[in-house]
């Protein structure tokens, strides 16, 4: 019985000791978490204080080239130290653990950075030493240009032969530095200034050999002051096939810089081959009401409706279309139906390659309503851009703007073809039997002649003339 009691007593002590051990572990664990938190805060405080010292040194030091100042490039030493502290503190704030030794190592590294910065102070050296350093700096610049420049035959590169320009400059400067270092010559301010000036001349000569990227210019016409493009009168500009089977496409790359400035006039005509007494032919234009926010890009298509002329003017409305921004504008008219549409759909308008705006729908029972250009041919009015001419030669609906390309086809182009044009495929086949005329008013810098006033179209059949005074025409780099 006594042995049993002793065994129970011993087991009781064991259980008690086990419980005490478990409680102590829990308590110690809690203390460990608290200690880690306290340590992390202490580390952050220590590093923040160190950062403040570096930041003060960075912001309150004087930078320059005079004795007692620090070179601008020395800022990088302190900025790098600050960035490393910021990164470390950020990781601590996100729960990362560390120890005092790691923190002390970072602090020591920061102290070394500050010492390196302070050691970079410009000392009061002799005039000859400063002169020698200027030459060495210029030599480094020459060597850097030589090594980092790209050589070849493509635009933006330098010819291989241009290296010799820098090689000569480097050799001359190296010889001068060697003589000064050996004491065989004295570096005066005048001598150093002349040497640096000669090196800069060599650098400029090298830069001038860079192969230029070809620059292209587009035509700018100030129609508000009298300028316009006269394409002449030609029957082909307004005749597009047999009656009831007429088909045409007109494409234009244009930008309005200033709407028509004539009082009470709210039309700005891009391109026109029409007469309005009565209506005949066609025109494409902008209609903008001064003080408003919307613009209409619009087409005028006169139809002979059983002997009476009716003017169809489908449009697309949006804020300031083509105003001070390039616009690809196209219209398609087809009396057999626009490609991709049903046969009743005679007209579609495209803005930057996308189908937009109103249409002209005419049922099959009214197929006799057809496009007419009779009055236009009777008056023989020249086709014009940047204005519209009346039969008596009066200029109206003018504006100031820019033009890149113009195309007229006696066929209905597809939506895909027009989209391709809008996206930059501006090439045409001059021998295409459906191409009426095409002008490119984009010229390379090499071919640019500011005095030129006559431009032949791509088919070789027609000539456009700039009229209204040379002061109303200029050429600007494309996209400006």
Protein backbone atom coordinates (compact mmCIF):
# COMPACT_ATOMS: atom_id res chain seq x y z
CA UNK A 1 0.00 0.00 0.00
CA UNK A 2 2.81 2.37 0.89
CA UNK A 3 4.57 1.61 -2.44
CA UNK A 4 1.42 2.48 -4.34
CA UNK A 5 1.07 5.80 -2.53
CA UNK A 6 4.72 6.61 -3.22
CA UNK A 7 4.21 5.86 -6.93
CA UNK A 8 1.12 8.12 -7.05
CA UNK A 9 3.03 10.88 -5.26
CA UNK A 10 5.89 10.63 -7.74
CA UNK A 11 3.52 10.66 -10.71
CA UNK A 12 1.76 13.71 -9.26
CA UNK A 13 5.02 15.60 -9.07
CA UNK A 14 5.78 14.61 -12.63
CA UNK A 15 2.45 15.91 -13.83
CA UNK A 16 2.92 19.11 -11.87
CA UNK A 17 6.40 19.68 -13.29
CA UNK A 18 5.10 19.01 -16.80
CA UNK A 19 2.37 21.59 -16.38
CA UNK A 20 4.83 24.14 -15.04
CA UNK A 21 7.12 23.51 -18.03
CA UNK A 22 4.23 23.98 -20.48
CA UNK A 23 3.15 27.24 -18.86
CA UNK A 24 6.71 28.56 -18.89
CA UNK A 25 7.02 27.77 -22.60
CA UNK A 26 3.84 29.66 -23.33
CA UNK A 27 4.99 32.61 -21.27
CA UNK A 28 8.45 32.57 -22.80
CA UNK A 29 6.95 32.33 -26.26
CA UNK A 30 4.84 35.42 -25.62
CA UNK A 31 7.84 37.28 -24.32
CA UNK A 32 9.82 36.25 -27.40
CA UNK A 33 7.18 37.77 -29.72
CA UNK A 34 7.12 40.96 -27.67
CA UNK A 35 10.90 41.13 -27.69
CA UNK A 36 11.01 40.68 -31.46
CA UNK A 37 8.53 43.52 -31.92
CA UNK A 38 10.50 45.75 -29.56
CA UNK A 39 13.75 44.90 -31.35
CA UNK A 40 12.23 45.61 -34.77
CA UNK A 41 11.05 49.04 -33.60
CA UNK A 42 14.48 49.74 -32.14
CA UNK A 43 16.20 48.75 -35.37
CA UNK A 44 13.85 50.95 -37.40
CA UNK A 45 14.49 53.90 -35.08
CA UNK A 46 18.26 53.40 -35.31
CA UNK A 47 18.20 53.21 -39.10
CA UNK A 48 15.82 56.17 -39.42
CA UNK A 49 18.14 58.32 -37.34
CA UNK A 50 21.07 57.29 -39.54
CA UNK A 51 19.03 58.09 -42.64
CA UNK A 52 18.23 61.56 -41.32
CA UNK A 53 21.94 62.29 -40.92
CA UNK A 54 22.63 61.24 -44.52
CA UNK A 55 19.65 63.19 -45.83
CA UNK A 56 20.76 66.34 -44.01
CA UNK A 57 24.26 66.00 -45.47
CA UNK A 58 22.79 65.52 -48.96
CA UNK A 59 20.49 68.54 -48.78
CA UNK A 60 22.80 70.97 -46.99
CA UNK A 61 26.02 70.44 -48.90
CA UNK A 62 27.10 72.88 -51.61
CA UNK A 63 27.67 71.48 -55.08
CA UNK A 64 29.77 72.95 -57.84
CA UNK A 65 33.32 73.12 -59.15
CA UNK A 66 34.89 75.59 -56.74
CA UNK A 67 37.14 74.59 -53.82
CA UNK A 68 35.08 73.59 -50.79
CA UNK A 69 32.12 72.34 -52.84
CA UNK A 70 31.14 68.83 -53.84
CA UNK A 71 30.82 67.57 -57.44
CA UNK A 72 27.22 67.00 -58.56
CA UNK A 73 27.95 63.34 -59.24
CA UNK A 74 28.85 62.83 -55.55
CA UNK A 75 25.14 63.08 -54.72
CA UNK A 76 24.79 59.52 -56.01
CA UNK A 77 26.89 58.23 -53.09
CA UNK A 78 24.41 59.52 -50.50
CA UNK A 79 21.32 58.79 -52.59
CA UNK A 80 22.37 55.14 -52.86
CA UNK A 81 22.90 54.91 -49.08
CA UNK A 82 19.44 56.38 -48.43
CA UNK A 83 17.84 53.97 -50.89
CA UNK A 84 19.43 50.97 -49.14
CA UNK A 85 18.17 52.11 -45.72
CA UNK A 86 14.67 52.75 -47.11
CA UNK A 87 14.56 49.28 -48.62
CA UNK A 88 15.71 47.63 -45.37
CA UNK A 89 13.22 49.58 -43.22
CA UNK A 90 10.41 48.74 -45.64
CA UNK A 91 11.16 45.03 -45.27
CA UNK A 92 11.18 45.36 -41.47
CA UNK A 93 7.81 47.10 -41.56
CA UNK A 94 6.47 44.19 -43.59
CA UNK A 95 7.44 41.73 -40.84
CA UNK A 96 10.91 40.60 -41.90
CA UNK A 97 13.17 39.67 -38.96
CA UNK A 98 16.80 40.67 -38.45
CA UNK A 99 19.42 41.03 -35.73
CA UNK A 100 21.58 43.78 -34.27
CA UNK A 101 24.68 42.64 -36.13
CA UNK A 102 22.97 43.01 -39.52
CA UNK A 103 21.69 46.46 -38.60
CA UNK A 104 25.13 47.52 -37.37
CA UNK A 105 26.68 46.33 -40.63
CA UNK A 106 24.28 48.52 -42.62
CA UNK A 107 25.02 51.50 -40.36
CA UNK A 108 28.76 51.00 -40.86
CA UNK A 109 28.26 50.86 -44.62
CA UNK A 110 26.30 54.11 -44.44
CA UNK A 111 29.04 55.76 -42.40
CA UNK A 112 31.57 54.71 -45.05
CA UNK A 113 29.36 56.24 -47.74
CA UNK A 114 29.27 59.56 -45.88
CA UNK A 115 33.05 59.48 -45.50
CA UNK A 116 33.46 58.78 -49.21
CA UNK A 117 31.16 61.70 -49.96
CA UNK A 118 33.08 64.05 -47.69
CA UNK A 119 36.37 62.94 -49.23
CA UNK A 120 35.07 64.01 -52.65
CA UNK A 121 35.14 67.69 -51.66
CA UNK A 122 37.02 69.81 -54.16
CA UNK A 123 40.26 70.97 -52.59
CA UNK A 124 42.06 74.21 -53.25
CA UNK A 125 44.54 72.81 -55.77
CA UNK A 126 46.91 74.77 -57.94
CA UNK A 127 45.76 76.42 -61.13
CA UNK A 128 47.89 74.08 -63.23
CA UNK A 129 46.38 71.02 -61.55
CA UNK A 130 42.88 72.32 -62.28
CA UNK A 131 43.84 72.97 -65.89
CA UNK A 132 45.23 69.46 -66.22
CA UNK A 133 42.03 68.00 -64.80
CA UNK A 134 39.96 69.95 -67.34
CA UNK A 135 41.97 68.41 -70.16
CA UNK A 136 41.55 64.93 -68.69
CA UNK A 137 37.79 65.47 -68.41
CA UNK A 138 37.59 66.53 -72.06
CA UNK A 139 39.68 63.51 -73.06
CA UNK A 140 37.24 61.23 -71.22
CA UNK A 141 34.36 62.88 -73.06
CA UNK A 142 35.99 62.26 -76.44
CA UNK A 143 36.73 58.64 -75.59
CA UNK A 144 33.17 58.10 -74.38
CA UNK A 145 31.69 59.51 -77.61
CA UNK A 146 34.00 57.32 -79.69
CA UNK A 147 33.05 54.14 -77.82
CA UNK A 148 29.32 54.67 -77.35
CA UNK A 149 28.40 56.00 -80.82
CA UNK A 150 26.81 53.59 -83.31
CA UNK A 151 28.49 53.17 -86.68
CA UNK A 152 27.00 51.97 -89.94
CA UNK A 153 25.01 53.15 -92.94
CA UNK A 154 21.53 53.43 -91.42
CA UNK A 155 19.87 56.73 -90.44
CA UNK A 156 21.00 57.82 -86.98
CA UNK A 157 24.40 56.09 -87.21
CA UNK A 158 27.86 57.46 -88.02
CA UNK A 159 30.06 56.33 -90.92
CA UNK A 160 33.05 54.23 -89.86
CA UNK A 161 35.32 56.87 -91.40
CA UNK A 162 34.06 59.43 -88.86
CA UNK A 163 36.00 57.68 -86.10
CA UNK A 164 39.18 59.30 -87.45
CA UNK A 165 37.86 62.74 -86.43
CA UNK A 166 37.71 61.69 -82.79
CA UNK A 167 40.92 59.68 -83.03
CA UNK A 168 42.83 62.81 -84.06
CA UNK A 169 41.29 64.86 -81.23
CA UNK A 170 42.09 62.13 -78.68
CA UNK A 171 45.70 61.85 -79.89
CA UNK A 172 46.28 65.62 -79.77
CA UNK A 173 44.79 65.96 -76.29
CA UNK A 174 46.69 62.93 -74.98
CA UNK A 175 49.98 64.38 -76.22
CA UNK A 176 49.23 67.70 -74.51
CA UNK A 177 48.36 65.96 -71.22
CA UNK A 178 51.56 63.88 -71.36
CA UNK A 179 53.69 66.98 -71.91
CA UNK A 180 52.00 68.79 -69.02
CA UNK A 181 52.36 65.77 -66.72
CA UNK A 182 56.07 65.44 -67.53
CA UNK A 183 56.65 69.14 -66.89
CA UNK A 184 57.86 69.90 -70.41
CA UNK A 185 55.19 72.58 -70.82
CA UNK A 186 53.26 74.84 -68.47
CA UNK A 187 49.48 74.67 -68.75
CA UNK A 188 48.23 78.23 -68.91
CA UNK A 189 44.54 79.10 -68.94
CA UNK A 190 44.83 80.28 -72.54
CA UNK A 191 46.47 77.02 -73.66
CA UNK A 192 43.81 74.89 -71.96
CA UNK A 193 40.97 77.01 -73.33
CA UNK A 194 42.33 76.69 -76.87
CA UNK A 195 42.80 72.90 -76.53
CA UNK A 196 39.26 72.40 -75.23
CA UNK A 197 37.85 74.63 -77.96
CA UNK A 198 39.65 72.60 -80.64
CA UNK A 199 38.32 69.37 -79.11
CA UNK A 200 34.77 70.77 -79.16
CA UNK A 201 35.18 71.68 -82.83
CA UNK A 202 36.17 68.07 -83.52
CA UNK A 203 33.11 66.83 -81.60
CA UNK A 204 30.84 69.12 -83.65
CA UNK A 205 32.48 67.91 -86.86
CA UNK A 206 31.87 64.32 -85.81
CA UNK A 207 28.21 65.01 -84.94
CA UNK A 208 27.64 66.58 -88.34
CA UNK A 209 28.54 63.30 -90.05
CA UNK A 210 25.59 61.47 -88.50
CA UNK A 211 23.42 59.96 -91.22
CA UNK A 212 20.13 61.84 -91.10
CA UNK A 213 16.76 60.20 -90.83
CA UNK A 214 14.85 61.18 -93.96
CA UNK A 215 12.46 64.03 -93.18
CA UNK A 216 9.25 64.40 -95.16
CA UNK A 217 7.19 67.57 -95.52
CA UNK A 218 3.53 68.10 -96.30
CA UNK A 219 1.89 71.08 -97.96
CA UNK A 220 0.22 73.77 -95.83
CA UNK A 221 -2.25 76.11 -97.55
CA UNK A 222 -3.58 79.34 -96.06
CA UNK A 223 -6.95 79.50 -97.78
CA UNK A 224 -8.13 82.21 -95.41
CA UNK A 225 -5.63 84.58 -97.01
CA UNK A 226 -6.27 83.56 -100.61
CA UNK A 227 -4.31 80.36 -101.19
CA UNK A 228 -5.81 77.28 -102.84
CA UNK A 229 -4.94 74.36 -105.11
CA UNK A 230 -6.30 74.50 -108.66
CA UNK A 231 -6.44 71.10 -110.36
CA UNK A 232 -7.99 72.53 -113.51
CA UNK A 233 -11.22 71.47 -115.16
CA UNK A 234 -11.27 67.96 -116.58
CA UNK A 235 -14.38 66.01 -117.44
CA UNK A 236 -12.92 62.92 -115.77
CA UNK A 237 -12.97 64.63 -112.36
CA UNK A 238 -16.77 64.38 -112.24
CA UNK A 239 -17.76 61.54 -114.61
CA UNK A 240 -17.68 58.08 -113.07
CA UNK A 241 -19.34 55.59 -115.37
CA UNK A 242 -22.60 55.02 -117.16
CA UNK A 243 -25.90 56.44 -115.92
CA UNK A 244 -27.47 54.24 -113.23
CA UNK A 245 -24.09 52.54 -112.78
CA UNK A 246 -22.00 55.46 -111.50
CA UNK A 247 -19.33 54.48 -108.96
CA UNK A 248 -16.75 56.70 -107.28
CA UNK A 249 -14.39 56.81 -104.32
CA UNK A 250 -12.68 59.95 -103.05
CA UNK A 251 -9.95 59.77 -100.42
CA UNK A 252 -8.23 62.68 -98.72
CA UNK A 253 -5.66 63.08 -95.95
CA UNK A 254 -6.32 66.54 -94.52
CA UNK A 255 -6.03 68.67 -91.39
CA UNK A 256 -7.85 71.90 -90.57
CA UNK A 257 -5.62 74.46 -88.88
CA UNK A 258 -8.18 77.28 -88.97
CA UNK A 259 -11.81 77.18 -90.08
CA UNK A 260 -13.13 79.61 -92.67
CA UNK A 261 -12.79 83.14 -91.30
CA UNK A 262 -15.34 84.78 -93.61
CA UNK A 263 -18.24 86.26 -91.65
CA UNK A 264 -21.38 84.10 -91.63
CA UNK A 265 -19.57 81.29 -93.49
CA UNK A 266 -19.54 77.97 -91.62
CA UNK A 267 -18.34 75.68 -94.43
CA UNK A 268 -14.70 74.76 -95.07
CA UNK A 269 -14.40 72.83 -98.33
CA UNK A 270 -11.65 70.22 -98.51
CA UNK A 271 -12.10 69.28 -102.16
CA UNK A 272 -14.68 70.27 -104.74
CA UNK A 273 -15.62 69.61 -108.36
CA UNK A 274 -19.11 71.06 -108.40
CA UNK A 275 -21.45 73.84 -109.46
CA UNK A 276 -24.30 75.10 -107.30
CA UNK A 277 -26.40 76.85 -110.01
CA UNK A 278 -27.94 74.27 -110.25
CA UNK A 279 -26.07 71.62 -108.34
CA UNK A 280 -23.88 69.25 -110.30
CA UNK A 281 -20.68 67.33 -109.49
CA UNK A 282 -19.58 66.72 -105.90
CA UNK A 283 -17.78 68.22 -102.91
CA UNK A 284 -16.52 67.12 -99.49
CA UNK A 285 -16.29 69.63 -96.69
CA UNK A 286 -16.50 70.52 -93.02
CA UNK A 287 -19.41 72.40 -91.53
CA UNK A 288 -18.59 74.10 -88.26
CA UNK A 289 -20.68 76.67 -86.42
CA UNK A 290 -18.55 79.24 -84.65
CA UNK A 291 -19.10 78.97 -80.92
CA UNK A 292 -20.31 75.39 -81.16
CA UNK A 293 -18.52 72.21 -80.18
CA UNK A 294 -19.55 69.89 -83.01
CA UNK A 295 -18.23 69.60 -86.53
CA UNK A 296 -19.81 67.85 -89.49
CA UNK A 297 -17.77 66.17 -92.18
CA UNK A 298 -20.09 66.15 -95.11
CA UNK A 299 -20.48 65.26 -98.77
CA UNK A 300 -22.66 66.88 -101.43
CA UNK A 301 -24.01 64.44 -104.03
CA UNK A 302 -26.60 65.96 -106.45
CA UNK A 303 -29.15 63.52 -107.90
CA UNK A 304 -31.33 64.01 -110.94
CA UNK A 305 -34.76 62.99 -109.66
CA UNK A 306 -36.95 62.84 -112.75
CA UNK A 307 -35.62 66.14 -114.07
CA UNK A 308 -35.43 67.88 -110.70
CA UNK A 309 -32.09 68.22 -108.93
CA UNK A 310 -32.08 67.04 -105.34
CA UNK A 311 -29.00 67.51 -103.17
CA UNK A 312 -28.08 64.62 -100.89
CA UNK A 313 -25.72 65.64 -98.06
CA UNK A 314 -24.95 62.74 -95.73
CA UNK A 315 -22.72 63.65 -92.79
CA UNK A 316 -20.93 62.46 -89.69
CA UNK A 317 -21.11 64.61 -86.55
CA UNK A 318 -18.51 64.70 -83.76
CA UNK A 319 -16.52 67.37 -81.88
CA UNK A 320 -14.01 69.19 -84.10
CA UNK A 321 -13.40 66.47 -86.66
CA UNK A 322 -10.08 66.94 -88.40
CA UNK A 323 -9.41 70.13 -86.47
CA UNK A 324 -5.68 70.47 -85.80
CA UNK A 325 -5.28 66.72 -86.21
CA UNK A 326 -4.79 64.58 -89.30
CA UNK A 327 -7.88 62.94 -90.72
CA UNK A 328 -8.29 60.33 -93.43
CA UNK A 329 -11.67 61.06 -95.01
CA UNK A 330 -13.25 58.92 -97.72
CA UNK A 331 -16.61 58.67 -99.45
CA UNK A 332 -17.95 55.87 -101.63
CA UNK A 333 -20.93 56.27 -103.96
CA UNK A 334 -22.19 53.36 -106.08
CA UNK A 335 -25.51 53.16 -107.92
CA UNK A 336 -25.21 49.38 -108.07
CA UNK A 337 -24.78 49.28 -104.29
CA UNK A 338 -21.81 49.92 -102.03
CA UNK A 339 -19.56 46.83 -101.68
CA UNK A 340 -20.54 44.81 -98.63
CA UNK A 341 -23.97 46.49 -98.40
CA UNK A 342 -27.34 45.70 -99.93
CA UNK A 343 -28.19 47.09 -103.37
CA UNK A 344 -30.26 49.96 -101.95
CA UNK A 345 -27.23 51.38 -100.13
CA UNK A 346 -25.61 53.89 -102.47
CA UNK A 347 -23.31 55.83 -100.15
CA UNK A 348 -20.90 55.29 -97.30
CA UNK A 349 -18.58 57.66 -95.46
CA UNK A 350 -15.34 56.68 -93.70
CA UNK A 351 -13.49 58.57 -90.98
CA UNK A 352 -9.95 57.30 -90.26
CA UNK A 353 -10.83 53.98 -91.86
CA UNK A 354 -14.06 53.42 -89.91
CA UNK A 355 -17.52 53.54 -91.46
CA UNK A 356 -19.37 56.52 -89.99
CA UNK A 357 -22.33 58.81 -90.46
CA UNK A 358 -25.41 58.89 -92.63
CA UNK A 359 -26.05 57.06 -95.89
CA UNK A 360 -28.03 57.44 -99.11
CA UNK A 361 -30.55 54.66 -99.55
CA UNK A 362 -32.66 54.52 -102.70
CA UNK A 363 -35.02 51.66 -103.45
CA UNK A 364 -34.94 49.72 -106.69
CA UNK A 365 -38.14 51.40 -107.89
CA UNK A 366 -36.23 54.70 -107.95
CA UNK A 367 -33.09 53.57 -109.71
CA UNK A 368 -33.76 56.31 -112.25
CA UNK A 369 -32.63 58.85 -109.60
CA UNK A 370 -29.00 59.21 -110.59
CA UNK A 371 -25.90 61.26 -109.87
CA UNK A 372 -25.52 64.28 -112.14
CA UNK A 373 -22.62 66.55 -113.07
CA UNK A 374 -24.30 68.30 -116.02
CA UNK A 375 -24.17 71.86 -114.66
CA UNK A 376 -20.57 71.37 -113.55
CA UNK A 377 -19.52 70.41 -117.07
CA UNK A 378 -21.44 73.31 -118.55
CA UNK A 379 -19.66 75.80 -116.28
CA UNK A 380 -16.29 73.98 -116.53
CA UNK A 381 -15.28 75.00 -113.02
CA UNK A 382 -11.79 73.86 -111.94
CA UNK A 383 -11.58 71.24 -109.23
CA UNK A 384 -10.09 72.91 -106.15
CA UNK A 385 -8.83 72.15 -102.65
CA UNK A 386 -9.01 74.52 -99.66
CA UNK A 387 -11.96 76.37 -101.18
CA UNK A 388 -14.87 76.02 -103.59
CA UNK A 389 -15.19 78.10 -106.74
CA UNK A 390 -18.42 79.42 -108.17
CA UNK A 391 -19.01 79.58 -111.92
CA UNK A 392 -17.85 83.22 -112.00
CA UNK A 393 -14.58 82.33 -110.26
CA UNK A 394 -15.58 83.63 -106.83
CA UNK A 395 -13.69 81.81 -104.11
CA UNK A 396 -15.76 80.65 -101.13
CA UNK A 397 -15.78 78.17 -98.23
CA UNK A 398 -12.02 78.52 -97.82
CA UNK A 399 -9.91 77.56 -94.80
CA UNK A 400 -6.32 77.15 -93.64
CA UNK A 401 -4.99 73.63 -93.34
CA UNK A 402 -2.65 70.86 -94.42
CA UNK A 403 -2.85 68.09 -97.00
CA UNK A 404 -0.83 64.93 -97.57
CA UNK A 405 -2.53 62.82 -100.25
CA UNK A 406 -5.58 62.90 -102.51
CA UNK A 407 -7.08 60.06 -104.57
CA UNK A 408 -10.11 59.83 -106.88
CA UNK A 409 -11.33 56.50 -108.27
CA UNK A 410 -14.09 55.63 -110.72
CA UNK A 411 -14.94 52.54 -108.72
CA UNK A 412 -16.41 51.77 -105.33
CA UNK A 413 -13.54 50.72 -103.09
CA UNK A 414 -14.23 48.21 -100.35
CA UNK A 415 -14.22 48.98 -96.64
CA UNK A 416 -11.06 46.87 -96.25
CA UNK A 417 -9.26 48.82 -98.98
CA UNK A 418 -10.19 52.12 -97.37
CA UNK A 419 -9.12 50.92 -93.94
CA UNK A 420 -5.75 49.88 -95.38
CA UNK A 421 -5.34 53.38 -96.85
CA UNK A 422 -6.19 55.01 -93.54
CA UNK A 423 -3.62 52.82 -91.80
CA UNK A 424 -0.84 54.04 -94.08
CA UNK A 425 -0.96 52.06 -97.32
CA UNK A 426 -1.05 55.10 -99.59
CA UNK A 427 0.60 53.56 -102.64
CA UNK A 428 -1.34 53.38 -105.91
CA UNK A 429 -0.74 51.88 -109.32
CA UNK A 430 -0.63 54.80 -111.79
CA UNK A 431 -1.68 52.40 -114.56
CA UNK A 432 -4.83 51.27 -112.70
CA UNK A 433 -7.68 51.96 -115.19
CA UNK A 434 -10.01 52.84 -112.29
CA UNK A 435 -7.67 55.46 -110.84
CA UNK A 436 -8.82 58.86 -112.11
CA UNK A 437 -6.09 60.93 -110.47
CA UNK A 438 -3.81 60.93 -107.44
CA UNK A 439 -1.57 63.56 -105.89
CA UNK A 440 1.06 63.23 -103.21
CA UNK A 441 1.70 66.49 -101.39
CA UNK A 442 4.37 64.85 -99.24
CA UNK A 443 7.95 65.53 -100.32
CA UNK A 444 11.29 64.44 -98.90
CA UNK A 445 13.73 67.04 -97.66
CA UNK A 446 16.04 66.12 -100.52
CA UNK A 447 13.39 66.85 -103.16
CA UNK A 448 11.76 69.82 -101.46
CA UNK A 449 11.63 72.98 -103.59
CA UNK A 450 9.91 75.80 -101.71
CA UNK A 451 9.43 77.78 -104.93
CA UNK A 452 7.66 75.03 -106.85
CA UNK A 453 4.02 75.80 -107.72
CA UNK A 454 3.05 73.05 -110.18
CA UNK A 455 2.66 69.38 -109.30
CA UNK A 456 1.91 66.57 -111.71
CA UNK A 457 -0.36 63.79 -110.52
CA UNK A 458 0.84 60.21 -110.25
CA UNK A 459 -0.91 59.15 -113.47
CA UNK A 460 0.97 61.83 -115.39
CA UNK A 461 -2.24 63.16 -116.95
CA UNK A 462 -3.01 66.23 -114.83
CA UNK A 463 -1.25 69.17 -113.18
CA UNK A 464 -2.19 70.95 -109.95
CA UNK A 465 -1.22 74.60 -109.51
CA UNK A 466 -0.78 76.49 -106.24
CA UNK A 467 -2.65 79.78 -106.59
CA UNK A 468 -3.17 82.85 -104.45
CA UNK A 469 0.38 83.99 -103.71
CA UNK A 470 3.55 82.26 -102.54
CA UNK A 471 3.10 83.69 -99.05
CA UNK A 472 0.06 81.44 -98.58
CA UNK A 473 1.94 78.17 -99.05
CA UNK A 474 4.56 76.48 -96.92
CA UNK A 475 5.88 73.01 -96.16
CA UNK A 476 6.07 71.53 -92.69
CA UNK A 477 7.49 68.23 -91.42
CA UNK A 478 4.76 65.61 -91.55
CA UNK A 479 2.80 65.26 -88.26
CA UNK A 480 3.62 68.81 -87.16
